[in-house]
Amino acid sequence: MTTYEKSQASREEAAYSSPGSAGYDESVIGRKLRAAIKLLAIFCTTYFVAAMIATPEFRHIAQIEVLNLPLAFYTGILVFVVGMVVTRMCLNQDQKS
């Protein structure tokens, strides 16, 4: 085996090996899972409230004007904002380990 092949093999080994400090910590995984489920529940609640308001049965609620725009518009925008916030919180939670 040549020097080049040895260096190539060591690079591949380093690229595909896991770090020595990485391990499975059940309490950390459980905490992250609970946080992710809570954030998912927050997003789902926001999404389904906005979807329900947009149905014909709740038209009278969707047409309530707030600052000259219908409430349905604000709930639709709220879904995007909550989605971005929840995504950011999940990413921050994942990096803390």
N, C-alpha and C. Protein backbone atom coordinates (compact mmCIF):
# COMPACT_ATOMS: atom_id res chain seq x y z
N MET A 1 0.84 -1.16 0.00
CA MET A 1 0.00 0.00 0.00
C MET A 1 0.89 1.24 0.00
N THR A 2 0.60 2.15 -0.88
CA THR A 2 1.42 3.37 -1.00
C THR A 2 1.02 4.38 0.07
N THR A 3 1.84 5.40 0.17
CA THR A 3 1.58 6.45 1.15
C THR A 3 0.27 7.16 0.83
N TYR A 4 0.02 7.38 -0.47
CA TYR A 4 -1.22 8.03 -0.89
C TYR A 4 -2.44 7.20 -0.49
N GLU A 5 -2.36 5.90 -0.72
CA GLU A 5 -3.48 5.02 -0.37
C GLU A 5 -3.71 5.00 1.13
N LYS A 6 -2.63 5.04 1.91
CA LYS A 6 -2.77 5.06 3.36
C LYS A 6 -3.44 6.35 3.84
N SER A 7 -3.01 7.47 3.26
CA SER A 7 -3.61 8.74 3.66
C SER A 7 -5.07 8.82 3.23
N GLN A 8 -5.37 8.27 2.05
CA GLN A 8 -6.75 8.24 1.56
C GLN A 8 -7.62 7.37 2.47
N ALA A 9 -7.09 6.23 2.88
CA ALA A 9 -7.83 5.33 3.76
C ALA A 9 -8.06 5.97 5.13
N SER A 10 -7.07 6.68 5.65
CA SER A 10 -7.24 7.32 6.95
C SER A 10 -8.24 8.46 6.87
N ARG A 11 -8.28 9.18 5.74
CA ARG A 11 -9.28 10.24 5.56
C ARG A 11 -10.69 9.66 5.50
N GLU A 12 -10.84 8.57 4.78
CA GLU A 12 -12.16 7.94 4.69
C GLU A 12 -12.60 7.42 6.05
N GLU A 13 -11.67 6.85 6.80
CA GLU A 13 -11.99 6.33 8.12
C GLU A 13 -12.41 7.46 9.05
N ALA A 14 -11.72 8.59 8.97
CA ALA A 14 -12.07 9.73 9.80
C ALA A 14 -13.41 10.32 9.40
N ALA A 15 -13.71 10.31 8.11
CA ALA A 15 -14.96 10.89 7.63
C ALA A 15 -16.16 10.06 8.03
N TYR A 16 -16.01 8.75 8.11
CA TYR A 16 -17.15 7.87 8.39
C TYR A 16 -17.21 7.38 9.83
N SER A 17 -16.26 7.75 10.64
CA SER A 17 -16.31 7.30 12.03
C SER A 17 -17.08 8.33 12.86
N SER A 18 -17.69 7.87 13.94
CA SER A 18 -18.42 8.77 14.80
C SER A 18 -17.48 9.36 15.83
N PRO A 19 -17.77 10.53 16.31
CA PRO A 19 -16.91 11.14 17.32
C PRO A 19 -16.94 10.31 18.61
N GLY A 20 -15.86 10.31 19.33
CA GLY A 20 -15.75 9.52 20.54
C GLY A 20 -16.70 9.97 21.64
N SER A 21 -17.06 11.26 21.65
CA SER A 21 -17.93 11.77 22.71
C SER A 21 -19.40 11.51 22.42
N ALA A 22 -19.73 11.11 21.21
CA ALA A 22 -21.14 10.88 20.86
C ALA A 22 -21.60 9.58 21.50
N GLY A 23 -22.74 9.65 22.12
CA GLY A 23 -23.29 8.47 22.76
C GLY A 23 -24.79 8.62 22.90
N TYR A 24 -25.40 7.59 23.37
CA TYR A 24 -26.85 7.61 23.54
C TYR A 24 -27.16 7.93 24.99
N ASP A 25 -27.76 9.07 25.21
CA ASP A 25 -28.17 9.46 26.54
C ASP A 25 -29.69 9.49 26.56
N GLU A 26 -30.28 8.54 27.25
CA GLU A 26 -31.74 8.39 27.23
C GLU A 26 -32.47 9.60 27.78
N SER A 27 -31.93 10.26 28.78
CA SER A 27 -32.61 11.42 29.36
C SER A 27 -32.62 12.59 28.38
N VAL A 28 -31.53 12.78 27.65
CA VAL A 28 -31.46 13.86 26.67
C VAL A 28 -32.43 13.59 25.51
N ILE A 29 -32.45 12.36 25.03
CA ILE A 29 -33.35 12.00 23.94
C ILE A 29 -34.81 12.17 24.37
N GLY A 30 -35.13 11.74 25.58
CA GLY A 30 -36.49 11.89 26.10
C GLY A 30 -36.90 13.34 26.23
N ARG A 31 -35.98 14.17 26.73
CA ARG A 31 -36.27 15.61 26.87
C ARG A 31 -36.51 16.25 25.51
N LYS A 32 -35.66 15.91 24.54
CA LYS A 32 -35.82 16.46 23.20
C LYS A 32 -37.13 16.00 22.56
N LEU A 33 -37.48 14.74 22.79
CA LEU A 33 -38.72 14.22 22.22
C LEU A 33 -39.94 14.91 22.82
N ARG A 34 -39.94 15.10 24.13
CA ARG A 34 -41.06 15.81 24.77
C ARG A 34 -41.17 17.24 24.27
N ALA A 35 -40.03 17.91 24.12
CA ALA A 35 -40.05 19.29 23.62
C ALA A 35 -40.56 19.33 22.18
N ALA A 36 -40.13 18.39 21.36
CA ALA A 36 -40.58 18.35 19.97
C ALA A 36 -42.08 18.08 19.88
N ILE A 37 -42.59 17.20 20.73
CA ILE A 37 -44.02 16.91 20.72
C ILE A 37 -44.83 18.14 21.16
N LYS A 38 -44.35 18.85 22.15
CA LYS A 38 -45.03 20.08 22.58
C LYS A 38 -45.05 21.12 21.47
N LEU A 39 -43.92 21.29 20.80
CA LEU A 39 -43.85 22.26 19.71
C LEU A 39 -44.75 21.84 18.55
N LEU A 40 -44.81 20.55 18.27
CA LEU A 40 -45.70 20.06 17.22
C LEU A 40 -47.16 20.32 17.59
N ALA A 41 -47.50 20.13 18.86
CA ALA A 41 -48.88 20.39 19.31
C ALA A 41 -49.23 21.87 19.16
N ILE A 42 -48.29 22.74 19.47
CA ILE A 42 -48.53 24.18 19.31
C ILE A 42 -48.78 24.51 17.85
N PHE A 43 -47.94 23.99 16.97
CA PHE A 43 -48.10 24.28 15.55
C PHE A 43 -49.41 23.70 15.02
N CYS A 44 -49.72 22.45 15.38
CA CYS A 44 -50.95 21.82 14.90
C CYS A 44 -52.18 22.57 15.36
N THR A 45 -52.18 23.03 16.61
CA THR A 45 -53.31 23.79 17.11
C THR A 45 -53.50 25.08 16.31
N THR A 46 -52.42 25.79 16.07
CA THR A 46 -52.49 27.01 15.29
C THR A 46 -52.99 26.73 13.88
N TYR A 47 -52.46 25.70 13.26
CA TYR A 47 -52.83 25.35 11.90
C TYR A 47 -54.31 24.99 11.80
N PHE A 48 -54.79 24.15 12.70
CA PHE A 48 -56.18 23.71 12.62
C PHE A 48 -57.16 24.81 12.99
N VAL A 49 -56.79 25.71 13.87
CA VAL A 49 -57.65 26.87 14.16
C VAL A 49 -57.77 27.73 12.91
N ALA A 50 -56.65 27.97 12.25
CA ALA A 50 -56.70 28.77 11.02
C ALA A 50 -57.50 28.06 9.93
N ALA A 51 -57.35 26.75 9.83
CA ALA A 51 -58.09 26.00 8.83
C ALA A 51 -59.59 25.98 9.13
N MET A 52 -59.94 25.86 10.39
CA MET A 52 -61.36 25.86 10.76
C MET A 52 -62.00 27.21 10.50
N ILE A 53 -61.28 28.28 10.81
CA ILE A 53 -61.83 29.62 10.57
C ILE A 53 -62.06 29.85 9.09
N ALA A 54 -61.27 29.23 8.25
CA ALA A 54 -61.38 29.44 6.80
C ALA A 54 -62.51 28.64 6.16
N THR A 55 -63.23 27.81 6.93
CA THR A 55 -64.32 27.01 6.36
C THR A 55 -65.58 27.86 6.23
N PRO A 56 -66.49 27.44 5.35
CA PRO A 56 -67.74 28.21 5.17
C PRO A 56 -68.59 28.29 6.44
N GLU A 57 -68.53 27.29 7.30
CA GLU A 57 -69.33 27.31 8.52
C GLU A 57 -68.91 28.43 9.48
N PHE A 58 -67.65 28.78 9.46
CA PHE A 58 -67.13 29.83 10.34
C PHE A 58 -66.85 31.12 9.57
N ARG A 59 -67.55 31.30 8.51
CA ARG A 59 -67.35 32.49 7.66
C ARG A 59 -67.57 33.78 8.45
N HIS A 60 -68.58 33.77 9.33
CA HIS A 60 -68.88 34.98 10.11
C HIS A 60 -67.72 35.34 11.04
N ILE A 61 -66.99 34.35 11.53
CA ILE A 61 -65.82 34.63 12.36
C ILE A 61 -64.65 35.10 11.50
N ALA A 62 -64.47 34.45 10.35
CA ALA A 62 -63.36 34.80 9.46
C ALA A 62 -63.48 36.22 8.92
N GLN A 63 -64.71 36.72 8.83
CA GLN A 63 -64.92 38.05 8.26
C GLN A 63 -64.82 39.17 9.28
N ILE A 64 -64.57 38.86 10.52
CA ILE A 64 -64.39 39.91 11.54
C ILE A 64 -63.18 40.74 11.15
N GLU A 65 -63.38 42.04 11.07
CA GLU A 65 -62.28 42.91 10.63
C GLU A 65 -61.46 43.40 11.81
N VAL A 66 -60.16 43.26 11.67
CA VAL A 66 -59.20 43.78 12.63
C VAL A 66 -58.21 44.63 11.83
N LEU A 67 -58.19 45.90 12.12
CA LEU A 67 -57.34 46.85 11.38
C LEU A 67 -57.61 46.76 9.87
N ASN A 68 -58.86 46.71 9.50
CA ASN A 68 -59.34 46.67 8.11
C ASN A 68 -58.93 45.43 7.32
N LEU A 69 -58.55 44.36 8.00
CA LEU A 69 -58.26 43.09 7.35
C LEU A 69 -59.03 41.99 8.08
N PRO A 70 -59.50 40.99 7.35
CA PRO A 70 -60.27 39.93 8.01
C PRO A 70 -59.42 39.08 8.95
N LEU A 71 -60.07 38.53 9.96
CA LEU A 71 -59.40 37.70 10.95
C LEU A 71 -58.75 36.47 10.31
N ALA A 72 -59.35 35.95 9.26
CA ALA A 72 -58.79 34.78 8.57
C ALA A 72 -57.40 35.10 8.01
N PHE A 73 -57.19 36.31 7.56
CA PHE A 73 -55.87 36.71 7.06
C PHE A 73 -54.83 36.64 8.18
N TYR A 74 -55.19 37.16 9.35
CA TYR A 74 -54.26 37.15 10.47
C TYR A 74 -53.95 35.74 10.95
N THR A 75 -54.95 34.87 10.98
CA THR A 75 -54.69 33.50 11.41
C THR A 75 -53.81 32.77 10.39
N GLY A 76 -53.99 33.08 9.11
CA GLY A 76 -53.13 32.47 8.09
C GLY A 76 -51.69 32.92 8.23
N ILE A 77 -51.49 34.20 8.48
CA ILE A 77 -50.13 34.71 8.70
C ILE A 77 -49.54 34.14 9.98
N LEU A 78 -50.38 33.97 10.99
CA LEU A 78 -49.93 33.42 12.26
C LEU A 78 -49.39 32.00 12.10
N VAL A 79 -49.97 31.23 11.20
CA VAL A 79 -49.48 29.86 10.95
C VAL A 79 -48.03 29.90 10.47
N PHE A 80 -47.72 30.81 9.56
CA PHE A 80 -46.34 30.90 9.06
C PHE A 80 -45.38 31.36 10.16
N VAL A 81 -45.80 32.33 10.94
CA VAL A 81 -44.94 32.84 12.01
C VAL A 81 -44.68 31.74 13.06
N VAL A 82 -45.74 31.06 13.48
CA VAL A 82 -45.57 29.99 14.46
C VAL A 82 -44.72 28.87 13.89
N GLY A 83 -44.89 28.56 12.60
CA GLY A 83 -44.06 27.54 11.96
C GLY A 83 -42.59 27.89 11.98
N MET A 84 -42.28 29.14 11.70
CA MET A 84 -40.87 29.57 11.73
C MET A 84 -40.31 29.54 13.15
N VAL A 85 -41.09 30.00 14.11
CA VAL A 85 -40.63 30.03 15.50
C VAL A 85 -40.42 28.60 16.02
N VAL A 86 -41.37 27.72 15.73
CA VAL A 86 -41.26 26.33 16.19
C VAL A 86 -40.05 25.65 15.54
N THR A 87 -39.84 25.90 14.26
CA THR A 87 -38.68 25.32 13.58
C THR A 87 -37.38 25.81 14.20
N ARG A 88 -37.30 27.08 14.48
CA ARG A 88 -36.10 27.65 15.09
C ARG A 88 -35.87 27.07 16.48
N MET A 89 -36.94 26.91 17.24
CA MET A 89 -36.80 26.34 18.58
C MET A 89 -36.34 24.89 18.53
N CYS A 90 -36.85 24.15 17.56
CA CYS A 90 -36.41 22.75 17.40
C CYS A 90 -34.93 22.69 17.03
N LEU A 91 -34.51 23.54 16.13
CA LEU A 91 -33.10 23.56 15.74
C LEU A 91 -32.21 23.95 16.91
N ASN A 92 -32.62 24.94 17.69
CA ASN A 92 -31.84 25.33 18.87
C ASN A 92 -31.77 24.20 19.88
N GLN A 93 -32.90 23.52 20.08
CA GLN A 93 -32.93 22.40 21.02
C GLN A 93 -32.00 21.29 20.57
N ASP A 94 -31.94 21.05 19.28
CA ASP A 94 -31.09 19.99 18.75
C ASP A 94 -29.61 20.31 18.89
N GLN A 95 -29.25 21.57 18.82
CA GLN A 95 -27.84 21.96 18.90
C GLN A 95 -27.33 22.00 20.34
N LYS A 96 -28.22 22.03 21.32
CA LYS A 96 -27.80 22.14 22.72
C LYS A 96 -27.16 20.88 23.27
N SER A 97 -27.35 19.75 22.60
CA SER A 97 -26.78 18.50 23.14
C SER A 97 -25.31 18.52 23.02
